[in-house]
Protein backbone atom coordinates (compact mmCIF):
# COMPACT_ATOMS: atom_id res chain seq x y z
CA MET A 1 -19.08 23.12 -6.10
CA SER A 2 -20.33 26.19 -5.63
CA SER A 3 -19.75 28.37 -3.10
CA SER A 4 -23.48 28.25 -1.74
CA GLN A 5 -23.33 24.71 -1.87
CA ILE A 6 -20.13 24.57 0.68
CA ALA A 7 -21.72 26.95 2.96
CA GLN A 8 -24.67 24.70 3.66
CA ILE A 9 -22.28 21.36 4.26
CA SER A 10 -21.92 20.22 7.47
CA ASP A 11 -20.09 16.99 9.13
CA PRO A 12 -21.98 13.96 8.67
CA LEU A 13 -23.98 14.15 12.10
CA HIS A 14 -24.73 17.64 10.87
CA THR A 15 -24.02 19.08 14.22
CA GLN A 16 -21.49 21.78 12.94
CA PRO A 17 -20.63 23.22 9.80
CA LEU A 18 -17.21 22.56 8.04
CA SER A 19 -14.02 24.18 9.10
CA LEU A 20 -12.51 26.62 6.81
CA ARG A 21 -9.55 24.20 5.38
CA ALA A 22 -12.10 21.72 4.71
CA ARG A 23 -14.18 24.16 2.94
CA LEU A 24 -10.89 25.47 0.94
CA LEU A 25 -10.37 21.62 -0.06
CA LEU A 26 -13.78 21.53 -1.49
CA ARG A 27 -13.34 25.00 -3.30
CA LEU A 28 -9.78 23.53 -4.40
CA GLU A 29 -11.59 20.30 -6.46
CA ARG A 30 -12.00 22.20 -9.34
CA TYR A 31 -8.77 22.56 -9.88
CA PHE A 32 -7.92 18.84 -8.47
CA PRO A 33 -10.95 16.83 -9.45
CA VAL A 34 -11.33 13.61 -7.06
CA LEU A 35 -11.00 10.05 -8.44
CA ASP A 36 -13.76 7.68 -8.82
CA ALA A 37 -13.47 4.62 -6.47
CA PRO A 38 -15.34 1.54 -6.59
CA ARG A 39 -17.26 0.97 -3.75
CA ASP A 40 -18.52 -2.91 -4.69
CA ARG A 41 -15.86 -5.10 -2.76
CA GLY A 42 -16.30 -7.67 -5.27
CA GLN A 43 -14.73 -5.40 -7.93
CA HIS A 44 -11.40 -5.31 -5.97
CA ALA A 45 -9.85 -8.51 -6.69
CA ALA A 46 -10.63 -8.56 -10.53
CA PHE A 47 -9.09 -5.08 -10.59
CA GLU A 48 -6.18 -6.35 -8.77
CA TYR A 49 -5.98 -9.49 -11.28
CA ARG A 50 -6.15 -7.10 -14.46
CA LYS A 51 -3.05 -4.92 -13.43
CA ALA A 52 -0.73 -8.21 -11.64
CA SER A 53 1.30 -8.42 -14.69
CA GLY A 54 2.11 -4.97 -14.44
CA SER A 55 3.21 -4.77 -11.24
CA TYR A 56 4.33 -7.95 -10.38
CA GLY A 57 5.37 -9.20 -13.88
CA SER A 58 8.98 -7.22 -13.78
CA HIS A 59 9.65 -8.58 -10.39
CA ALA A 60 9.07 -12.02 -11.32
CA LYS A 61 11.33 -11.54 -14.28
CA GLU A 62 14.04 -10.05 -12.48
CA ILE A 63 13.95 -13.36 -10.09
CA GLY A 64 14.27 -15.59 -13.08
CA GLY A 65 10.56 -16.17 -13.35
CA LEU A 66 7.97 -18.14 -11.06
CA ALA A 67 8.23 -21.59 -12.35
CA GLY A 68 8.47 -24.32 -9.37
CA LYS A 69 8.47 -21.64 -6.94
CA ARG A 70 6.58 -21.10 -3.81
CA VAL A 71 5.59 -17.33 -3.48
CA LEU A 72 4.27 -15.46 -0.56
CA ASP A 73 1.87 -12.58 -1.43
CA PHE A 74 2.66 -9.89 1.46
CA GLY A 75 -0.43 -7.75 1.99
CA CYS A 76 -2.39 -9.67 -0.50
CA GLY A 77 -5.71 -7.83 -0.41
CA TRP A 78 -8.57 -8.80 -2.47
CA GLY A 79 -6.28 -11.92 -3.91
CA GLY A 80 -6.27 -10.71 -7.26
CA GLU A 81 -2.62 -10.51 -7.95
CA THR A 82 -2.29 -13.86 -5.82
CA VAL A 83 -4.10 -15.71 -7.98
CA TRP A 84 -2.10 -14.51 -11.02
CA LEU A 85 1.10 -15.39 -9.04
CA ALA A 86 -0.55 -19.12 -8.90
CA GLU A 87 -0.83 -19.26 -12.46
CA GLN A 88 2.95 -18.83 -12.72
CA ALA A 89 4.14 -20.47 -9.66
CA LEU A 90 3.99 -23.61 -7.91
CA GLU A 91 2.09 -22.62 -4.72
CA ALA A 92 1.05 -18.57 -3.85
CA VAL A 93 0.01 -17.88 -0.29
CA GLY A 94 -1.53 -14.30 0.09
CA CYS A 95 -1.54 -12.81 3.53
CA ASP A 96 -3.02 -9.61 5.07
CA VAL A 97 -4.53 -8.47 8.15
CA ASN A 98 -7.67 -7.47 6.89
CA ALA A 99 -10.39 -10.22 7.42
CA ASP A 100 -12.80 -8.90 5.19
CA ALA A 101 -10.51 -8.51 2.12
CA LEU A 102 -9.31 -12.25 2.85
CA ALA A 103 -13.05 -13.53 2.72
CA ASP A 104 -13.33 -11.84 -1.04
CA ALA A 105 -10.02 -13.36 -1.83
CA ARG A 106 -11.06 -16.93 -0.90
CA SER A 107 -14.24 -16.24 -3.11
CA PHE A 108 -12.35 -15.05 -5.97
CA VAL A 109 -9.82 -18.10 -6.21
CA GLU A 110 -12.84 -20.28 -6.30
CA GLN A 111 -14.61 -18.42 -8.95
CA ALA A 112 -11.52 -18.19 -10.70
CA GLY A 113 -10.64 -22.30 -10.09
CA CYS A 114 -7.14 -21.99 -8.76
CA ARG A 115 -6.15 -24.86 -6.83
CA ASN A 116 -2.60 -23.76 -6.13
CA ALA A 117 -3.67 -20.78 -3.93
CA ARG A 118 -4.48 -20.26 -0.12
CA PHE A 119 -4.80 -17.16 1.92
CA VAL A 120 -3.90 -16.90 5.71
CA ALA A 121 -4.44 -14.35 8.17
CA CYS A 122 -1.22 -12.54 9.65
CA THR A 123 -0.80 -10.01 12.38
CA ALA A 124 1.20 -6.87 12.88
CA GLU A 125 3.55 -8.97 14.71
CA GLY A 126 4.49 -11.85 12.59
CA LEU A 127 3.45 -14.29 9.82
CA PRO A 128 1.83 -17.48 10.73
CA LEU A 129 4.08 -19.76 8.36
CA PRO A 130 7.08 -22.41 8.29
CA ASP A 131 10.94 -21.07 8.33
CA ASP A 132 12.94 -21.34 5.20
CA HIS A 133 9.47 -21.95 3.02
CA PHE A 134 9.30 -19.55 0.21
CA ASP A 135 11.72 -18.53 -2.97
CA ALA A 136 10.10 -15.39 -3.07
CA VAL A 137 7.90 -12.68 -1.22
CA PHE A 138 6.38 -10.00 -3.20
CA SER A 139 4.44 -7.10 -2.19
CA THR A 140 2.77 -4.04 -3.74
CA ASN A 141 1.87 -0.80 -2.11
CA VAL A 142 1.89 -2.41 1.44
CA PHE A 143 4.67 -1.51 3.49
CA GLU A 144 3.86 2.12 4.12
CA HIS A 145 1.17 0.68 6.32
CA VAL A 146 3.59 -1.39 8.67
CA MET A 147 3.80 -0.12 11.50
CA ASP A 148 6.81 -2.21 12.90
CA ILE A 149 9.11 -2.78 9.71
CA PRO A 150 12.22 -4.00 11.03
CA ALA A 151 10.20 -6.94 13.02
CA MET A 152 8.48 -7.69 9.79
CA LEU A 153 11.29 -7.59 7.68
CA SER A 154 12.88 -10.12 9.74
CA GLU A 155 9.44 -12.41 9.59
CA ILE A 156 9.77 -12.24 5.99
CA ARG A 157 13.71 -13.17 6.29
CA ARG A 158 12.15 -15.70 8.24
CA VAL A 159 10.14 -17.38 5.96
CA LEU A 160 12.49 -17.33 2.65
CA LYS A 161 14.84 -19.64 1.84
CA PRO A 162 18.07 -19.25 1.46
CA GLY A 163 18.61 -17.10 -1.32
CA GLY A 164 15.08 -16.34 -1.71
CA SER A 165 13.97 -12.85 -2.64
CA LEU A 166 11.52 -10.22 -1.42
CA VAL A 167 10.90 -7.65 -4.32
CA THR A 168 8.70 -4.54 -3.41
CA ARG A 169 7.61 -1.49 -4.50
CA PHE A 170 5.23 0.37 -2.46
CA GLY A 171 3.54 4.40 -2.20
CA PRO A 172 2.95 6.96 -1.84
CA LEU A 173 5.15 7.87 1.29
CA PHE A 174 3.49 10.03 3.59
CA TYR A 175 5.20 13.02 2.95
CA SER A 176 4.78 12.96 -0.88
CA PRO A 177 1.93 14.94 -2.84
CA LEU A 178 -0.70 12.05 -2.39
CA GLY A 179 0.68 10.64 0.76
CA TYR A 180 -2.78 10.75 2.78
CA HIS A 181 -4.15 7.94 0.52
CA LEU A 182 -7.32 9.41 0.07
CA CYS A 183 -7.34 10.20 -3.57
CA TRP A 184 -11.13 9.24 -4.15
CA ALA A 185 -11.79 11.94 -1.50
CA THR A 186 -9.31 14.72 -2.49
CA GLN A 187 -6.50 14.87 -4.81
CA VAL A 188 -5.10 18.33 -3.63
CA PRO A 189 -1.06 18.19 -3.38
CA TYR A 190 -0.01 18.04 0.45
CA ALA A 191 -3.46 18.95 1.41
CA HIS A 192 -2.55 16.60 4.53
CA LEU A 193 0.78 18.72 5.50
CA TRP A 194 -1.24 21.90 5.58
CA ALA A 195 -4.82 21.10 6.11
CA GLY A 196 -4.41 18.44 8.70
CA LEU A 197 -5.62 15.18 9.89
CA GLY A 198 -9.44 16.59 11.02
CA PRO A 199 -10.16 18.72 7.93
CA MET A 200 -8.90 15.94 5.51
CA MET A 201 -11.52 13.87 7.45
CA GLU A 202 -14.39 16.07 7.06
CA VAL A 203 -13.96 16.07 3.79
CA ARG A 204 -13.33 12.30 3.76
CA ASN A 205 -16.65 11.76 5.95
CA LEU A 206 -18.53 13.69 3.37
CA ARG A 207 -18.27 10.72 1.00
CA ARG A 208 -17.73 7.50 2.98
CA GLY A 209 -19.08 6.43 6.43
CA PRO A 210 -17.82 8.46 9.45
CA ILE A 211 -14.28 7.78 11.16
CA HIS A 212 -12.72 9.98 13.43
CA PRO A 213 -8.94 8.78 13.79
CA ARG A 214 -6.85 10.47 16.52
CA SER A 215 -3.68 10.13 14.36
CA TRP A 216 -2.48 9.48 10.87
CA GLU A 217 -1.20 6.36 12.36
CA GLU A 218 -4.76 5.13 13.31
CA THR A 219 -5.83 5.58 9.82
CA GLY A 220 -2.94 3.32 8.86
CA LEU A 221 -0.22 5.25 7.37
CA ASN A 222 3.34 4.80 9.57
CA ARG A 223 5.10 8.14 7.79
CA VAL A 224 7.60 6.10 6.74
CA THR A 225 10.35 7.76 4.59
CA PHE A 226 13.13 6.47 2.50
CA GLY A 227 15.89 6.86 4.98
CA ARG A 228 13.88 4.70 7.57
CA PHE A 229 13.04 2.11 5.25
CA ARG A 230 16.87 1.91 4.01
CA ARG A 231 18.11 1.68 7.81
CA ALA A 232 15.43 -0.78 8.59
CA VAL A 233 16.28 -2.93 5.81
CA ARG A 234 20.28 -2.60 7.18
CA GLN A 235 18.72 -4.15 10.62
CA SER A 236 16.92 -6.97 9.24
CA GLY A 237 20.00 -8.80 7.61
CA LEU A 238 18.88 -9.09 4.23
CA LEU A 239 21.15 -8.29 1.70
CA ILE A 240 20.51 -5.26 -0.57
CA ARG A 241 20.57 -6.37 -4.46
CA ARG A 242 18.64 -3.19 -5.33
CA LEU A 243 16.89 -0.59 -3.36
CA ASP A 244 15.47 2.53 -5.07
CA ARG A 245 13.92 5.92 -4.39
CA VAL A 246 10.85 6.40 -6.51
CA PRO A 247 10.63 9.94 -7.18
CA VAL A 248 8.09 12.10 -7.81
CA ARG A 249 7.54 12.97 -11.43
CA GLN A 250 10.34 15.05 -13.14
CA CYS A 251 12.19 15.43 -9.73
CA ALA A 252 14.60 12.52 -9.73
CA MET A 253 17.28 15.13 -8.86
CA LEU A 254 15.32 17.13 -6.41
CA ALA A 255 14.24 13.82 -4.46
CA LYS A 256 18.13 13.08 -3.30
CA LEU A 257 18.13 16.31 -1.60
CA PRO A 258 18.19 16.57 2.38
CA LEU A 259 15.53 18.30 3.95
CA VAL A 260 12.90 18.55 0.52
CA GLY A 261 14.07 15.23 -0.97
CA ASP A 262 11.20 13.59 1.28
CA LEU A 263 8.62 15.81 -0.11
CA LEU A 264 9.53 14.76 -3.68
CA THR A 265 9.83 10.78 -3.00
CA PHE A 266 6.91 9.22 -4.09
CA GLY A 267 7.71 5.51 -3.16
CA VAL A 268 10.48 2.83 -2.82
CA ASP A 269 11.35 0.00 -5.40
CA CYS A 270 13.69 -2.88 -4.02
CA HIS A 271 14.97 -6.45 -4.13
CA LEU A 272 16.43 -7.79 -1.11
CA VAL A 273 17.90 -11.13 -0.90
CA LYS A 274 18.42 -13.80 2.50
CA SER A 275 21.64 -15.22 2.18
CA GLU A 276 22.76 -18.67 1.37
């Protein structure tokens, strides 16, 4: 984007020019080009299904396969991964807080002819599911959006059978380079930490319908760190079989350091178990 183009840009309501930091973010696009993101809701479920063997395949092997098991897909989104799980398992249930995503998920299941997958709406407070029902709970890129992680881990423990597993991998965490979760709006590393919420939303609103959150929490980000998640796990009563820090590429040793470690930790990869 040229200097003259940037100078002419106003906010979505065309009432005032972009802030200096928002303009700087746009200038930096020449070095950090933005990603294309699908706008058609119908594409998301198919994309999730295609990537499920990678996102959930190794986790399924880690718990000894899915044959004959009942599985919960926590934060199922558009349902593509839930359908993949259902193809391997006895039953797969997807849950999410997003009503539009669940509507798309149900349409995708019908199109796929999948008879052993279903979807339920959950809330931030709990899961409308019976106790001791699931052999495993799978989740990918969800816990960075859960505002009360200890409470939700407790709920997951409740719905797991004794000996059942929660296997999850999630990120990017808030303090990592792209922790703002707006890769289709900007790719500038750590932009949210030095530019701030307002300029980030200015750039975001140039590419989507305008929103005006007052905090990062209102965008759905809980700012969890690896240490905070580990403490939540210890409070939950779930046993740790594996709890790994996922470092930013080529920063494995630095990610373990105090203070700077959170800036170089991309995410969390873990396997937790309910005691028998």
